[in-house]
Amino acid sequence: MSLLLVAIQSCAVAPGAPDDDIGDGGSPRADGGTGDGGNGAISVDGRAIKADGKALQLKGVCWNPVGKGHNHPPRDDYAAFADRDIALMKAAGINVVRTYDTIRDTAVLDKLHAAGIRVIMSVYAYGGEPASRASEHVTALKDHPSILMWSLGNEWNYNGLYTDLPFSDSMARLNQIAAAIKRLDSKHPIATIYGEMPSKATIEAMPDIDVWGLNMYRGITFGDAFNKWTALSQKPMFVAEYGADAFNAKIPGYDPESQGRATRELTREILEHSTANKGGVCSGGTIFEWSDEWWKSGEPSQHDNGGTAPGGGPYPDSTFNEEWWGIVDVDRNTRPAYEALKSLYAP
């Protein structure tokens, strides 16, 4: 499911941390080395993302804190919600956030770092931006200890970088950007976020992509996804979006219990295939999403039902209700889905 369902012509720069799983910051690298040099060095080693030689378990959420009456991108909402959100994330054992916009507010990044939370930082999602914009973001942020990796695109195979670019043109653009980032920064891996499962040919055609993030909505199980990835690639993979919304179209009505059940079952499945703990193929997940976004399906000051998105569909109704995906609501009241994650990540 795409977070950015509305055209993002306004995708401007918006105003990241490690815990025991990730290391302590410092000088990560993504050059294929072992990364054993201390101080939180990041490396890609086969299927694993490692910090100081230890495989990471990404216990993450997608974070796009758009307040009531506001629109994407979050801009000042990052700073406005940082203290509340980060405290709740830390209490739940969350160690990673994935963004859809670039956080250039270093005060926010400092708070994430202090809480032990690192950032999978989006530096290019909207094809209407010049390719050079990604390099500007990387240059500005590459030395901040909150950064875990750079992220390019979001379901670009579905949306053509939100400008309906043909698939081949989108791939070429991202390859150009990834190569430029490699020249600027050897310390952080580069991920791309794909809708469902790429082909082997697509993976091989993008050699500068170190990590693949897959957005998958298949109900209450991922099915054969992990076995398929085993056959496709030796590169690291994480589930970049998954979960369920809290509105059940079958009732119809509010159903946070079903959202909580889906969160628990899907997250358990990710953990069972962990490269960190089980010798599996999945480096973790960033659940969609942290908080409700009222801007997505109607008037931004109202909580609306409805919305559409590509992909399969969430449990239990296979219906995407775009303003109801938060594991906390827009006022930061926690839902059963939050408690489910907390029970798995911070028991």
Protein backbone atom coordinates (compact mmCIF):
# COMPACT_ATOMS: atom_id res chain seq x y z
CA MET A 1 0.00 0.00 0.00
CA SER A 2 1.32 3.42 -0.86
CA LEU A 3 1.42 6.01 1.87
CA LEU A 4 1.56 8.86 -0.62
CA LEU A 5 -1.73 8.32 -2.38
CA VAL A 6 -2.15 12.02 -3.02
CA ALA A 7 0.16 13.57 -5.62
CA ILE A 8 3.17 14.95 -3.81
CA GLN A 9 4.11 17.95 -5.85
CA SER A 10 4.69 19.59 -2.46
CA CYS A 11 7.30 17.01 -1.47
CA ALA A 12 9.73 19.59 -0.13
CA VAL A 13 12.43 19.12 2.48
CA ALA A 14 10.82 18.53 5.85
CA PRO A 15 11.93 19.43 9.19
CA GLY A 16 16.97 9.04 13.46
CA ALA A 17 20.06 5.84 17.44
CA PRO A 18 20.80 2.80 18.10
CA ASP A 19 19.78 0.26 20.67
CA ASP A 20 21.44 -2.99 21.56
CA ASP A 21 20.40 -4.49 18.23
CA ILE A 22 21.87 -1.74 16.09
CA GLY A 23 25.08 -0.59 17.70
CA ASP A 24 26.04 2.81 18.97
CA GLY A 25 26.31 5.06 15.95
CA GLY A 26 29.67 6.04 14.57
CA SER A 27 30.83 5.23 11.05
CA PRO A 28 28.68 2.57 9.38
CA ARG A 29 29.61 1.30 5.98
CA ALA A 30 27.92 -0.65 3.23
CA ASP A 31 30.88 -1.82 1.21
CA GLY A 32 30.45 -5.50 1.91
CA GLY A 33 33.07 -5.64 4.64
CA THR A 34 32.54 -7.24 8.01
CA GLY A 35 32.03 -3.95 9.80
CA ASP A 36 33.80 -5.27 12.91
CA GLY A 37 35.70 -2.10 13.57
CA GLY A 38 33.51 -0.93 16.46
CA ASN A 39 31.42 2.15 17.10
CA GLY A 40 28.30 0.90 15.35
CA ALA A 41 29.74 0.25 11.87
CA ILE A 42 27.02 -0.85 9.43
CA SER A 43 27.71 -3.45 6.77
CA VAL A 44 25.87 -5.70 4.37
CA ASP A 45 26.99 -9.30 4.75
CA GLY A 46 25.10 -11.73 2.56
CA ARG A 47 21.45 -11.60 3.58
CA ALA A 48 22.17 -9.74 6.81
CA ILE A 49 22.47 -6.09 7.73
CA LYS A 50 25.09 -5.95 10.46
CA ALA A 51 26.31 -3.51 13.07
CA ASP A 52 29.81 -4.31 14.30
CA GLY A 53 29.45 -7.80 12.90
CA LYS A 54 26.09 -8.50 14.59
CA ALA A 55 23.02 -9.09 12.43
CA LEU A 56 20.32 -6.51 13.06
CA GLN A 57 16.67 -7.13 13.78
CA LEU A 58 14.74 -4.14 12.45
CA LYS A 59 11.87 -3.61 14.89
CA GLY A 60 10.39 -0.69 13.07
CA VAL A 61 7.45 1.51 12.16
CA CYS A 62 6.69 3.78 9.23
CA TRP A 63 6.62 7.31 10.65
CA ASN A 64 4.77 10.10 8.84
CA PRO A 65 3.30 12.24 11.65
CA VAL A 66 0.75 14.43 9.87
CA GLY A 67 -1.47 16.21 12.38
CA LYS A 68 -5.20 16.97 12.18
CA GLY A 69 -6.00 19.46 9.44
CA HIS A 70 -2.51 19.14 7.94
CA ASN A 71 -1.37 17.59 4.68
CA HIS A 72 1.65 15.59 3.59
CA PRO A 73 4.57 16.22 3.82
CA PRO A 74 4.80 16.50 7.63
CA ARG A 75 7.18 19.48 7.71
CA ASP A 76 6.84 20.94 11.22
CA ASP A 77 4.84 17.92 12.41
CA TYR A 78 8.05 15.94 12.91
CA ALA A 79 9.15 18.39 15.57
CA ALA A 80 5.65 18.82 17.00
CA PHE A 81 5.14 15.09 17.59
CA ALA A 82 8.72 13.98 18.23
CA ASP A 83 8.69 13.97 22.02
CA ARG A 84 5.40 12.08 22.37
CA ASP A 85 6.04 9.68 19.53
CA ILE A 86 9.62 8.83 20.41
CA ALA A 87 8.76 8.13 24.05
CA LEU A 88 5.99 5.73 23.01
CA MET A 89 8.21 4.07 20.41
CA LYS A 90 11.01 3.55 22.89
CA ALA A 91 8.59 2.03 25.42
CA ALA A 92 7.46 -0.46 22.75
CA GLY A 93 10.99 -1.57 21.89
CA ILE A 94 10.97 0.05 18.44
CA ASN A 95 14.49 0.63 17.14
CA VAL A 96 13.90 1.91 13.58
CA VAL A 97 11.62 4.36 11.81
CA ARG A 98 11.16 4.49 8.05
CA THR A 99 10.25 7.85 6.55
CA TYR A 100 8.47 8.92 3.36
CA ASP A 101 10.01 12.38 3.39
CA THR A 102 13.48 13.58 4.31
CA ILE A 103 13.92 14.78 7.89
CA ARG A 104 16.39 17.64 7.77
CA ASP A 105 15.56 18.86 11.28
CA THR A 106 18.63 17.69 13.20
CA ALA A 107 16.95 18.36 16.54
CA VAL A 108 14.44 15.61 15.67
CA LEU A 109 17.23 13.30 14.56
CA ASP A 110 19.11 13.98 17.79
CA LYS A 111 16.05 12.93 19.80
CA LEU A 112 15.71 9.71 17.83
CA HIS A 113 19.39 8.97 18.35
CA ALA A 114 19.14 9.61 22.07
CA ALA A 115 16.24 7.14 22.30
CA GLY A 116 18.09 4.35 20.49
CA ILE A 117 16.07 4.70 17.28
CA ARG A 118 17.67 4.88 13.86
CA VAL A 119 16.25 6.04 10.55
CA ILE A 120 15.71 4.42 7.18
CA MET A 121 15.70 7.81 5.52
CA SER A 122 13.81 8.47 2.32
CA VAL A 123 15.89 10.76 0.12
CA TYR A 124 14.03 10.36 -3.17
CA ALA A 125 10.39 9.33 -3.70
CA TYR A 126 8.85 11.91 -6.06
CA GLY A 127 10.02 11.82 -9.66
CA GLY A 128 9.19 15.49 -10.13
CA GLU A 129 12.25 16.35 -8.05
CA PRO A 130 15.66 16.57 -9.73
CA ALA A 131 17.81 13.49 -9.17
CA SER A 132 20.41 15.74 -7.56
CA ARG A 133 18.05 16.39 -4.63
CA ALA A 134 18.90 12.98 -3.17
CA SER A 135 22.61 13.80 -3.18
CA GLU A 136 21.89 17.08 -1.40
CA HIS A 137 20.07 15.22 1.37
CA VAL A 138 22.80 12.60 1.71
CA THR A 139 25.54 15.22 1.87
CA ALA A 140 23.69 17.06 4.61
CA LEU A 141 22.85 14.01 6.73
CA LYS A 142 25.48 11.32 6.15
CA ASP A 143 27.43 12.11 9.32
CA HIS A 144 24.42 12.08 11.64
CA PRO A 145 24.51 8.98 13.88
CA SER A 146 20.77 8.38 13.53
CA ILE A 147 21.07 7.25 9.91
CA LEU A 148 20.82 3.53 9.28
CA MET A 149 20.34 3.53 5.51
CA TRP A 150 19.05 5.61 2.61
CA SER A 151 15.73 4.77 0.95
CA LEU A 152 14.81 5.35 -2.71
CA GLY A 153 11.26 5.26 -4.05
CA ASN A 154 8.10 3.87 -2.49
CA GLU A 155 6.25 1.24 -4.49
CA TRP A 156 7.72 2.89 -7.58
CA ASN A 157 6.79 -0.16 -9.64
CA TYR A 158 3.14 0.79 -9.01
CA ASN A 159 3.29 4.57 -9.20
CA GLY A 160 6.20 5.45 -11.48
CA LEU A 161 7.78 7.63 -8.76
CA TYR A 162 4.38 9.33 -8.35
CA THR A 163 4.70 10.80 -11.86
CA ASP A 164 3.61 7.72 -13.85
CA LEU A 165 7.09 7.20 -15.27
CA PRO A 166 7.41 3.95 -17.19
CA PHE A 167 8.97 1.14 -15.18
CA SER A 168 12.24 1.23 -17.12
CA ASP A 169 12.56 5.00 -16.69
CA SER A 170 11.88 4.77 -12.97
CA MET A 171 14.53 2.09 -12.63
CA ALA A 172 17.04 4.14 -14.60
CA ARG A 173 16.39 7.19 -12.42
CA LEU A 174 16.89 5.21 -9.21
CA ASN A 175 20.04 3.56 -10.58
CA GLN A 176 21.43 7.00 -11.40
CA ILE A 177 20.65 8.23 -7.87
CA ALA A 178 22.04 5.13 -6.16
CA ALA A 179 25.32 5.41 -8.07
CA ALA A 180 25.62 9.07 -7.09
CA ILE A 181 25.00 8.25 -3.43
CA LYS A 182 27.68 5.53 -3.53
CA ARG A 183 30.18 8.15 -4.64
CA LEU A 184 29.21 10.40 -1.73
CA ASP A 185 28.81 7.92 1.09
CA SER A 186 30.31 4.47 1.66
CA LYS A 187 29.06 4.29 5.25
CA HIS A 188 25.37 3.50 4.77
CA PRO A 189 23.52 0.91 2.68
CA ILE A 190 21.02 1.98 0.03
CA ALA A 191 17.54 0.45 0.02
CA THR A 192 14.73 0.69 -2.46
CA ILE A 193 11.09 0.14 -1.51
CA TYR A 194 9.17 -2.12 -3.90
CA GLY A 195 5.53 -3.10 -4.06
CA GLU A 196 5.36 -6.86 -3.42
CA MET A 197 8.10 -9.04 -4.96
CA PRO A 198 10.53 -7.89 -7.68
CA SER A 199 11.71 -10.20 -10.40
CA LYS A 200 15.20 -11.62 -10.41
CA ALA A 201 15.92 -9.55 -13.52
CA THR A 202 14.89 -6.34 -11.70
CA ILE A 203 17.13 -7.12 -8.73
CA GLU A 204 20.08 -7.87 -10.99
CA ALA A 205 19.48 -4.68 -13.01
CA MET A 206 19.92 -2.55 -9.84
CA PRO A 207 23.42 -3.48 -8.61
CA ASP A 208 23.85 -0.44 -6.34
CA ILE A 209 20.79 -1.35 -4.28
CA ASP A 210 22.13 -3.06 -1.16
CA VAL A 211 18.83 -3.82 0.59
CA TRP A 212 15.30 -4.47 -0.69
CA GLY A 213 12.28 -3.25 1.26
CA LEU A 214 9.06 -5.01 0.26
CA ASN A 215 5.57 -3.59 0.89
CA MET A 216 3.28 -6.60 1.31
CA TYR A 217 -0.42 -6.84 2.16
CA ARG A 218 -1.61 -10.44 2.01
CA GLY A 219 -4.12 -10.64 4.83
CA ILE A 220 -2.94 -12.29 8.03
CA THR A 221 0.05 -14.16 6.58
CA PHE A 222 2.90 -13.45 4.19
CA GLY A 223 2.39 -16.84 2.59
CA ASP A 224 5.33 -17.94 0.45
CA ALA A 225 7.08 -14.55 0.45
CA PHE A 226 10.14 -15.59 2.44
CA ASN A 227 10.65 -18.77 0.43
CA LYS A 228 10.34 -16.76 -2.77
CA TRP A 229 12.97 -14.27 -1.62
CA THR A 230 15.30 -17.16 -0.79
CA ALA A 231 15.17 -18.21 -4.41
CA LEU A 232 15.38 -14.68 -5.81
CA SER A 233 18.36 -13.08 -4.12
CA GLN A 234 21.13 -13.31 -1.56
CA LYS A 235 20.70 -9.63 -0.68
CA PRO A 236 19.11 -8.41 2.57
CA MET A 237 15.37 -7.89 2.62
CA PHE A 238 12.99 -6.34 5.12
CA VAL A 239 9.20 -5.92 5.08
CA ALA A 240 8.93 -2.18 4.50
CA GLU A 241 5.14 -2.05 4.93
CA TYR A 242 2.73 -4.55 6.43
CA GLY A 243 -0.16 -4.64 8.88
CA ALA A 244 -3.87 -3.83 8.92
CA ASP A 245 -6.10 -0.82 9.42
CA ALA A 246 -8.44 -0.43 12.39
CA PHE A 247 -11.67 -0.05 10.39
CA ASN A 248 -13.51 -3.21 9.37
CA ALA A 249 -15.68 -2.75 6.28
CA LYS A 250 -17.52 -5.97 7.08
CA ILE A 251 -19.12 -4.51 10.22
CA PRO A 252 -18.80 -1.69 9.10
CA GLY A 253 -17.06 0.02 11.97
CA TYR A 254 -14.08 0.44 14.22
CA ASP A 255 -12.27 -2.86 14.85
CA PRO A 256 -8.93 -2.34 16.60
CA GLU A 257 -8.97 -5.93 17.88
CA SER A 258 -8.63 -7.36 14.35
CA GLN A 259 -5.84 -4.86 13.62
CA GLY A 260 -4.09 -6.03 16.79
CA ARG A 261 -4.42 -9.68 15.79
CA ALA A 262 -2.98 -9.04 12.33
CA THR A 263 -0.11 -7.05 13.83
CA ARG A 264 0.73 -9.86 16.24
CA GLU A 265 0.55 -12.68 13.69
CA LEU A 266 2.44 -10.89 10.91
CA THR A 267 5.18 -9.63 13.21
CA ARG A 268 5.64 -13.11 14.64
CA GLU A 269 6.07 -14.42 11.11
CA ILE A 270 8.75 -11.81 10.42
CA LEU A 271 10.57 -12.76 13.62
CA GLU A 272 10.40 -16.45 12.72
CA HIS A 273 12.32 -15.73 9.49
CA SER A 274 14.82 -13.35 11.06
CA THR A 275 18.39 -13.17 9.84
CA ALA A 276 19.30 -11.94 13.32
CA ASN A 277 17.87 -14.75 15.40
CA LYS A 278 16.89 -17.68 13.21
CA GLY A 279 19.30 -17.73 10.29
CA GLY A 280 16.44 -16.69 8.02
CA VAL A 281 16.10 -14.29 5.12
CA CYS A 282 14.27 -11.30 6.64
CA SER A 283 16.05 -8.48 8.47
CA GLY A 284 12.84 -7.31 10.13
CA GLY A 285 9.96 -5.01 9.35
CA THR A 286 8.59 -1.48 9.54
CA ILE A 287 4.88 -1.78 10.16
CA PHE A 288 2.49 0.57 8.41
CA GLU A 289 2.04 2.74 10.33
CA TRP A 290 2.74 4.71 13.47
CA SER A 291 -0.24 7.10 13.59
CA ASP A 292 -3.48 7.78 11.72
CA GLU A 293 -3.31 10.33 8.91
CA TRP A 294 -6.57 12.18 8.41
CA TRP A 295 -5.45 13.90 5.19
CA LYS A 296 -5.57 10.83 2.98
CA SER A 297 -9.21 10.19 2.02
CA GLY A 298 -11.09 13.43 2.59
CA GLU A 299 -11.12 16.64 4.63
CA PRO A 300 -7.86 16.67 6.68
CA SER A 301 -9.66 17.77 9.83
CA GLN A 302 -12.08 14.81 9.72
CA HIS A 303 -11.58 11.08 10.21
CA ASP A 304 -12.93 9.52 7.01
CA ASN A 305 -13.43 5.96 5.81
CA GLY A 306 -12.42 4.68 2.41
CA GLY A 307 -9.46 5.00 0.13
CA THR A 308 -7.74 2.74 -2.36
CA ALA A 309 -4.27 1.30 -2.68
CA PRO A 310 -2.43 -1.25 -4.82
CA GLY A 311 -1.55 -4.72 -3.60
CA GLY A 312 -3.59 -7.48 -2.02
CA GLY A 313 -5.48 -6.36 1.03
CA PRO A 314 -5.41 -6.26 4.83
CA TYR A 315 -7.05 -8.59 7.34
CA PRO A 316 -9.98 -9.04 7.93
CA ASP A 317 -11.82 -7.28 5.08
CA SER A 318 -9.26 -6.85 2.26
CA THR A 319 -10.22 -3.16 2.25
CA PHE A 320 -7.80 -0.26 2.57
CA ASN A 321 -9.26 2.38 4.90
CA GLU A 322 -6.46 4.85 4.47
CA GLU A 323 -7.01 7.05 7.53
CA TRP A 324 -7.11 4.20 10.09
CA TRP A 325 -3.71 2.50 9.88
CA GLY A 326 -2.06 3.91 12.99
CA ILE A 327 -1.03 1.64 15.85
CA VAL A 328 -1.74 4.85 17.75
CA ASP A 329 -4.52 7.21 16.76
CA VAL A 330 -4.05 10.82 15.70
CA ASP A 331 -4.17 11.91 19.37
CA ARG A 332 -1.57 9.26 20.30
CA ASN A 333 -3.94 6.96 22.16
CA THR A 334 -2.51 3.46 21.80
CA ARG A 335 -4.42 0.63 20.12
CA PRO A 336 -4.18 -3.14 20.62
CA ALA A 337 -1.76 -3.18 17.67
CA TYR A 338 0.67 -1.06 19.69
CA GLU A 339 0.38 -3.45 22.61
CA ALA A 340 0.92 -6.42 20.29
CA LEU A 341 4.18 -4.94 19.00
CA LYS A 342 5.27 -4.05 22.52
CA SER A 343 4.66 -7.60 23.73
CA LEU A 344 6.94 -8.92 20.96
CA TYR A 345 9.62 -6.22 20.96
CA ALA A 346 9.80 -5.18 24.62
CA PRO A 347 8.36 -8.06 26.67
